[in-house]
PDB file of N, CA and C in Angstrom:
ATOM      1  N   UNK A   1     183.814-171.387  71.287  1.00  0.00           N
ATOM      2  CA  UNK A   1     184.196-170.283  70.434  1.00  0.00           C
ATOM      3  C   UNK A   1     182.965-169.492  70.025  1.00  0.00           C
ATOM      4  N   UNK A   2     182.809-168.298  70.570  1.00  0.00           N
ATOM      5  CA  UNK A   2     181.625-167.519  70.204  1.00  0.00           C
ATOM      6  C   UNK A   2     181.749-166.961  68.788  1.00  0.00           C
ATOM      7  N   UNK A   3     180.683-167.055  68.069  1.00  0.00           N
ATOM      8  CA  UNK A   3     180.652-166.425  66.755  1.00  0.00           C
ATOM      9  C   UNK A   3     180.400-164.951  66.950  1.00  0.00           C
ATOM     10  N   UNK A   4     180.722-164.181  65.940  1.00  0.00           N
ATOM     11  CA  UNK A   4     180.533-162.733  65.997  1.00  0.00           C
ATOM     12  C   UNK A   4     179.087-162.425  65.636  1.00  0.00           C
ATOM     13  N   UNK A   5     178.234-162.439  66.656  1.00  0.00           N
ATOM     14  CA  UNK A   5     176.794-162.224  66.484  1.00  0.00           C
ATOM     15  C   UNK A   5     176.236-161.730  67.808  1.00  0.00           C
ATOM     16  N   UNK A   6     174.966-161.343  67.858  1.00  0.00           N
ATOM     17  CA  UNK A   6     174.386-160.948  69.150  1.00  0.00           C
ATOM     18  C   UNK A   6     174.568-162.068  70.169  1.00  0.00           C
ATOM     19  N   UNK A   7     174.741-161.666  71.440  1.00  0.00           N
ATOM     20  CA  UNK A   7     175.099-162.633  72.473  1.00  0.00           C
ATOM     21  C   UNK A   7     174.354-162.312  73.762  1.00  0.00           C
ATOM     22  N   UNK A   8     174.040-163.320  74.533  1.00  0.00           N
ATOM     23  CA  UNK A   8     173.401-163.118  75.829  1.00  0.00           C
ATOM     24  C   UNK A   8     174.398-162.550  76.833  1.00  0.00           C
ATOM     25  N   UNK A   9     173.906-161.876  77.842  1.00  0.00           N
ATOM     26  CA  UNK A   9     174.770-161.230  78.833  1.00  0.00           C
ATOM     27  C   UNK A   9     175.623-162.252  79.579  1.00  0.00           C
ATOM     28  N   UNK A  10     175.035-163.372  79.958  1.00  0.00           N
ATOM     29  CA  UNK A  10     175.783-164.419  80.661  1.00  0.00           C
ATOM     30  C   UNK A  10     176.911-164.986  79.817  1.00  0.00           C
ATOM     31  N   UNK A  11     176.645-165.174  78.530  1.00  0.00           N
ATOM     32  CA  UNK A  11     177.677-165.672  77.619  1.00  0.00           C
ATOM     33  C   UNK A  11     178.785-164.638  77.435  1.00  0.00           C
ATOM     34  N   UNK A  12     178.423-163.364  77.386  1.00  0.00           N
ATOM     35  CA  UNK A  12     179.414-162.293  77.275  1.00  0.00           C
ATOM     36  C   UNK A  12     180.350-162.321  78.479  1.00  0.00           C
ATOM     37  N   UNK A  13     179.788-162.434  79.665  1.00  0.00           N
ATOM     38  CA  UNK A  13     180.591-162.462  80.889  1.00  0.00           C
ATOM     39  C   UNK A  13     181.517-163.673  80.884  1.00  0.00           C
ATOM     40  N   UNK A  14     180.989-164.822  80.501  1.00  0.00           N
ATOM     41  CA  UNK A  14     181.802-166.038  80.460  1.00  0.00           C
ATOM     42  C   UNK A  14     182.974-165.884  79.492  1.00  0.00           C
ATOM     43  N   UNK A  15     182.722-165.314  78.325  1.00  0.00           N
ATOM     44  CA  UNK A  15     183.775-165.135  77.328  1.00  0.00           C
ATOM     45  C   UNK A  15     184.803-164.088  77.767  1.00  0.00           C
ATOM     46  N   UNK A  16     184.346-163.029  78.423  1.00  0.00           N
ATOM     47  CA  UNK A  16     185.290-162.034  78.919  1.00  0.00           C
ATOM     48  C   UNK A  16     186.184-162.623  79.996  1.00  0.00           C
ATOM     49  N   UNK A  17     185.658-163.528  80.813  1.00  0.00           N
ATOM     50  CA  UNK A  17     186.497-164.220  81.801  1.00  0.00           C
ATOM     51  C   UNK A  17     187.558-165.061  81.104  1.00  0.00           C
ATOM     52  N   UNK A  18     187.182-165.724  80.012  1.00  0.00           N
ATOM     53  CA  UNK A  18     188.158-166.498  79.239  1.00  0.00           C
ATOM     54  C   UNK A  18     189.245-165.598  78.660  1.00  0.00           C
ATOM     55  N   UNK A  19     188.893-164.346  78.394  1.00  0.00           N
ATOM     56  CA  UNK A  19     189.847-163.380  77.847  1.00  0.00           C
ATOM     57  C   UNK A  19     190.697-162.731  78.934  1.00  0.00           C
ATOM     58  N   UNK A  20     190.495-163.138  80.202  1.00  0.00           N
ATOM     59  CA  UNK A  20     191.343-162.640  81.274  1.00  0.00           C
ATOM     60  C   UNK A  20     190.729-161.598  82.178  1.00  0.00           C
ATOM     61  N   UNK A  21     189.463-161.266  81.976  1.00  0.00           N
ATOM     62  CA  UNK A  21     188.793-160.288  82.836  1.00  0.00           C
ATOM     63  C   UNK A  21     188.295-160.969  84.101  1.00  0.00           C
ATOM     64  N   UNK A  22     188.269-160.223  85.198  1.00  0.00           N
ATOM     65  CA  UNK A  22     187.704-160.739  86.443  1.00  0.00           C
ATOM     66  C   UNK A  22     186.448-159.950  86.776  1.00  0.00           C
ATOM     67  N   UNK A  23     185.568-160.571  87.529  1.00  0.00           N
ATOM     68  CA  UNK A  23     184.318-159.910  87.884  1.00  0.00           C
ATOM     69  C   UNK A  23     183.152-160.711  87.360  1.00  0.00           C
ATOM     70  N   UNK A  24     182.006-160.148  87.301  1.00  0.00           N
ATOM     71  CA  UNK A  24     181.653-158.733  87.404  1.00  0.00           C
ATOM     72  C   UNK A  24     181.561-158.256  88.856  1.00  0.00           C
ATOM     73  N   UNK A  25     181.867-156.992  89.024  1.00  0.00           N
ATOM     74  CA  UNK A  25     181.798-156.330  90.321  1.00  0.00           C
ATOM     75  C   UNK A  25     180.676-155.307  90.284  1.00  0.00           C
ATOM     76  N   UNK A  26     180.121-155.018  91.454  1.00  0.00           N
ATOM     77  CA  UNK A  26     179.037-154.044  91.564  1.00  0.00           C
ATOM     78  C   UNK A  26     179.639-152.658  91.715  1.00  0.00           C
ATOM     79  N   UNK A  27     179.101-151.704  90.959  1.00  0.00           N
ATOM     80  CA  UNK A  27     179.591-150.341  91.080  1.00  0.00           C
ATOM     81  C   UNK A  27     178.651-149.361  90.426  1.00  0.00           C
ATOM     82  N   UNK A  28     178.206-148.368  91.164  1.00  0.00           N
ATOM     83  CA  UNK A  28     177.353-147.333  90.586  1.00  0.00           C
ATOM     84  C   UNK A  28     176.126-147.891  89.904  1.00  0.00           C
ATOM     85  N   UNK A  29     175.917-147.469  88.676  1.00  0.00           N
ATOM     86  CA  UNK A  29     174.732-147.901  87.925  1.00  0.00           C
ATOM     87  C   UNK A  29     174.955-149.180  87.135  1.00  0.00           C
ATOM     88  N   UNK A  30     176.224-149.513  86.880  1.00  0.00           N
ATOM     89  CA  UNK A  30     176.529-150.682  86.061  1.00  0.00           C
ATOM     90  C   UNK A  30     177.516-151.586  86.771  1.00  0.00           C
ATOM     91  N   UNK A  31     177.438-152.867  86.471  1.00  0.00           N
ATOM     92  CA  UNK A  31     178.480-153.774  86.906  1.00  0.00           C
ATOM     93  C   UNK A  31     179.666-153.579  85.975  1.00  0.00           C
ATOM     94  N   UNK A  32     180.840-153.999  86.424  1.00  0.00           N
ATOM     95  CA  UNK A  32     182.022-153.854  85.591  1.00  0.00           C
ATOM     96  C   UNK A  32     182.939-155.051  85.782  1.00  0.00           C
ATOM     97  N   UNK A  33     183.846-155.215  84.813  1.00  0.00           N
ATOM     98  CA  UNK A  33     184.859-156.256  84.877  1.00  0.00           C
ATOM     99  C   UNK A  33     186.213-155.586  84.711  1.00  0.00           C
ATOM    100  N   UNK A  34     187.257-156.217  85.255  1.00  0.00           N
ATOM    101  CA  UNK A  34     188.585-155.619  85.258  1.00  0.00           C
ATOM    102  C   UNK A  34     189.612-156.578  84.666  1.00  0.00           C
ATOM    103  N   UNK A  35     190.538-156.002  83.890  1.00  0.00           N
ATOM    104  CA  UNK A  35     191.713-156.720  83.401  1.00  0.00           C
ATOM    105  C   UNK A  35     192.842-155.704  83.368  1.00  0.00           C
ATOM    106  N   UNK A  36     193.775-155.828  84.284  1.00  0.00           N
ATOM    107  CA  UNK A  36     194.868-154.857  84.372  1.00  0.00           C
ATOM    108  C   UNK A  36     194.319-153.480  84.673  1.00  0.00           C
ATOM    109  N   UNK A  37     194.594-152.520  83.778  1.00  0.00           N
ATOM    110  CA  UNK A  37     194.107-151.153  83.980  1.00  0.00           C
ATOM    111  C   UNK A  37     192.772-150.904  83.262  1.00  0.00           C
ATOM    112  N   UNK A  38     192.274-151.912  82.548  1.00  0.00           N
ATOM    113  CA  UNK A  38     191.010-151.761  81.813  1.00  0.00           C
ATOM    114  C   UNK A  38     189.846-152.066  82.741  1.00  0.00           C
ATOM    115  N   UNK A  39     188.943-151.118  82.854  1.00  0.00           N
ATOM    116  CA  UNK A  39     187.711-151.300  83.625  1.00  0.00           C
ATOM    117  C   UNK A  39     186.560-151.218  82.626  1.00  0.00           C
ATOM    118  N   UNK A  40     185.917-152.337  82.397  1.00  0.00           N
ATOM    119  CA  UNK A  40     184.915-152.471  81.342  1.00  0.00           C
ATOM    120  C   UNK A  40     183.520-152.512  81.941  1.00  0.00           C
ATOM    121  N   UNK A  41     182.701-151.496  81.630  1.00  0.00           N
ATOM    122  CA  UNK A  41     181.308-151.485  82.103  1.00  0.00           C
ATOM    123  C   UNK A  41     180.481-152.460  81.300  1.00  0.00           C
ATOM    124  N   UNK A  42     179.605-153.176  82.005  1.00  0.00           N
ATOM    125  CA  UNK A  42     178.726-154.146  81.364  1.00  0.00           C
ATOM    126  C   UNK A  42     177.327-153.559  81.218  1.00  0.00           C
ATOM    127  N   UNK A  43     176.634-153.916  80.150  1.00  0.00           N
ATOM    128  CA  UNK A  43     175.246-153.467  80.028  1.00  0.00           C
ATOM    129  C   UNK A  43     174.395-154.118  81.103  1.00  0.00           C
ATOM    130  N   UNK A  44     173.343-153.430  81.495  1.00  0.00           N
ATOM    131  CA  UNK A  44     172.436-153.962  82.502  1.00  0.00           C
ATOM    132  C   UNK A  44     171.738-155.204  82.002  1.00  0.00           C
ATOM    133  N   UNK A  45     171.290-156.001  82.954  1.00  0.00           N
ATOM    134  CA  UNK A  45     170.571-157.207  82.551  1.00  0.00           C
ATOM    135  C   UNK A  45     169.195-156.794  82.028  1.00  0.00           C
ATOM    136  N   UNK A  46     168.903-157.208  80.853  1.00  0.00           N
ATOM    137  CA  UNK A  46     167.624-156.886  80.219  1.00  0.00           C
ATOM    138  C   UNK A  46     167.211-158.068  79.365  1.00  0.00           C
ATOM    139  N   UNK A  47     166.026-158.035  78.896  1.00  0.00           N
ATOM    140  CA  UNK A  47     165.552-159.137  78.071  1.00  0.00           C
ATOM    141  C   UNK A  47     166.208-159.067  76.704  1.00  0.00           C
ATOM    142  N   UNK A  48     166.500-160.204  76.167  1.00  0.00           N
ATOM    143  CA  UNK A  48     167.072-160.267  74.832  1.00  0.00           C
ATOM    144  C   UNK A  48     168.592-160.252  74.850  1.00  0.00           C
ATOM    145  N   UNK A  49     169.145-160.394  73.667  1.00  0.00           N
ATOM    146  CA  UNK A  49     170.584-160.450  73.513  1.00  0.00           C
ATOM    147  C   UNK A  49     171.188-159.059  73.395  1.00  0.00           C
ATOM    148  N   UNK A  50     172.499-158.989  73.599  1.00  0.00           N
ATOM    149  CA  UNK A  50     173.254-157.757  73.390  1.00  0.00           C
ATOM    150  C   UNK A  50     173.457-157.644  71.886  1.00  0.00           C
ATOM    151  N   UNK A  51     173.107-156.509  71.323  1.00  0.00           N
ATOM    152  CA  UNK A  51     173.162-156.330  69.878  1.00  0.00           C
ATOM    153  C   UNK A  51     174.598-156.382  69.373  1.00  0.00           C
ATOM    154  N   UNK A  52     174.744-156.630  68.092  1.00  0.00           N
ATOM    155  CA  UNK A  52     176.056-156.686  67.471  1.00  0.00           C
ATOM    156  C   UNK A  52     176.772-155.343  67.600  1.00  0.00           C
ATOM    157  N   UNK A  53     176.039-154.252  67.436  1.00  0.00           N
ATOM    158  CA  UNK A  53     176.624-152.915  67.555  1.00  0.00           C
ATOM    159  C   UNK A  53     177.202-152.693  68.950  1.00  0.00           C
ATOM    160  N   UNK A  54     176.452-153.055  69.978  1.00  0.00           N
ATOM    161  CA  UNK A  54     176.929-152.891  71.352  1.00  0.00           C
ATOM    162  C   UNK A  54     178.094-153.835  71.637  1.00  0.00           C
ATOM    163  N   UNK A  55     178.045-155.057  71.106  1.00  0.00           N
ATOM    164  CA  UNK A  55     179.149-155.997  71.282  1.00  0.00           C
ATOM    165  C   UNK A  55     180.438-155.434  70.685  1.00  0.00           C
ATOM    166  N   UNK A  56     180.346-154.836  69.514  1.00  0.00           N
ATOM    167  CA  UNK A  56     181.524-154.233  68.876  1.00  0.00           C
ATOM    168  C   UNK A  56     182.113-153.144  69.770  1.00  0.00           C
ATOM    169  N   UNK A  57     181.263-152.295  70.335  1.00  0.00           N
ATOM    170  CA  UNK A  57     181.755-151.224  71.216  1.00  0.00           C
ATOM    171  C   UNK A  57     182.391-151.781  72.481  1.00  0.00           C
ATOM    172  N   UNK A  58     181.798-152.819  73.058  1.00  0.00           N
ATOM    173  CA  UNK A  58     182.354-153.442  74.265  1.00  0.00           C
ATOM    174  C   UNK A  58     183.721-154.052  73.964  1.00  0.00           C
ATOM    175  N   UNK A  59     183.823-154.780  72.858  1.00  0.00           N
ATOM    176  CA  UNK A  59     185.091-155.416  72.516  1.00  0.00           C
ATOM    177  C   UNK A  59     186.167-154.388  72.196  1.00  0.00           C
ATOM    178  N   UNK A  60     185.794-153.286  71.575  1.00  0.00           N
ATOM    179  CA  UNK A  60     186.755-152.218  71.290  1.00  0.00           C
ATOM    180  C   UNK A  60     187.309-151.648  72.592  1.00  0.00           C
ATOM    181  N   UNK A  61     186.438-151.406  73.553  1.00  0.00           N
ATOM    182  CA  UNK A  61     186.877-150.891  74.856  1.00  0.00           C
ATOM    183  C   UNK A  61     187.739-151.918  75.587  1.00  0.00           C
ATOM    184  N   UNK A  62     187.460-153.196  75.386  1.00  0.00           N
ATOM    185  CA  UNK A  62     188.209-154.266  76.054  1.00  0.00           C
ATOM    186  C   UNK A  62     189.542-154.547  75.369  1.00  0.00           C
ATOM    187  N   UNK A  63     189.741-154.012  74.162  1.00  0.00           N
ATOM    188  CA  UNK A  63     190.967-154.268  73.423  1.00  0.00           C
ATOM    189  C   UNK A  63     190.999-155.650  72.796  1.00  0.00           C
ATOM    190  N   UNK A  64     189.831-156.169  72.461  1.00  0.00           N
ATOM    191  CA  UNK A  64     189.718-157.503  71.866  1.00  0.00           C
ATOM    192  C   UNK A  64     189.251-157.341  70.422  1.00  0.00           C
ATOM    193  N   UNK A  65     190.034-157.884  69.473  1.00  0.00           N
ATOM    194  CA  UNK A  65     189.611-157.792  68.076  1.00  0.00           C
ATOM    195  C   UNK A  65     188.722-158.982  67.719  1.00  0.00           C
ATOM    196  N   UNK A  66     188.140-158.915  66.537  1.00  0.00           N
ATOM    197  CA  UNK A  66     187.165-159.933  66.136  1.00  0.00           C
ATOM    198  C   UNK A  66     187.776-161.329  66.066  1.00  0.00           C
ATOM    199  N   UNK A  67     188.989-161.427  65.532  1.00  0.00           N
ATOM    200  CA  UNK A  67     189.646-162.724  65.406  1.00  0.00           C
ATOM    201  C   UNK A  67     189.899-163.342  66.777  1.00  0.00           C
ATOM    202  N   UNK A  68     190.391-162.545  67.714  1.00  0.00           N
ATOM    203  CA  UNK A  68     190.641-163.024  69.070  1.00  0.00           C
ATOM    204  C   UNK A  68     189.342-163.473  69.718  1.00  0.00           C
ATOM    205  N   UNK A  69     188.284-162.703  69.518  1.00  0.00           N
ATOM    206  CA  UNK A  69     186.973-163.030  70.093  1.00  0.00           C
ATOM    207  C   UNK A  69     186.490-164.389  69.613  1.00  0.00           C
ATOM    208  N   UNK A  70     186.632-164.636  68.321  1.00  0.00           N
ATOM    209  CA  UNK A  70     186.148-165.892  67.757  1.00  0.00           C
ATOM    210  C   UNK A  70     187.014-167.076  68.150  1.00  0.00           C
ATOM    211  N   UNK A  71     188.230-166.819  68.647  1.00  0.00           N
ATOM    212  CA  UNK A  71     189.117-167.901  69.080  1.00  0.00           C
ATOM    213  C   UNK A  71     188.936-168.252  70.550  1.00  0.00           C
ATOM    214  N   UNK A  72     188.155-167.484  71.305  1.00  0.00           N
ATOM    215  CA  UNK A  72     187.972-167.774  72.729  1.00  0.00           C
ATOM    216  C   UNK A  72     187.243-169.088  72.930  1.00  0.00           C
TER     217      UNK A  72
END
């Protein structure tokens, strides 16, 4: 169960898979994951964790609320 805090890219991908997303797939400048009609772009691999602000934006685009995220 991930807490609502900054997270590593690998952990983000693992949790999104638990939420039903498939991928990541290669495309253009960013990799992306898919769930139904939702195509979610992933941040590039970089040093450090994904900030809380960016995590909030990613989860909003994915249609995942905070409670659901913490239950994964």
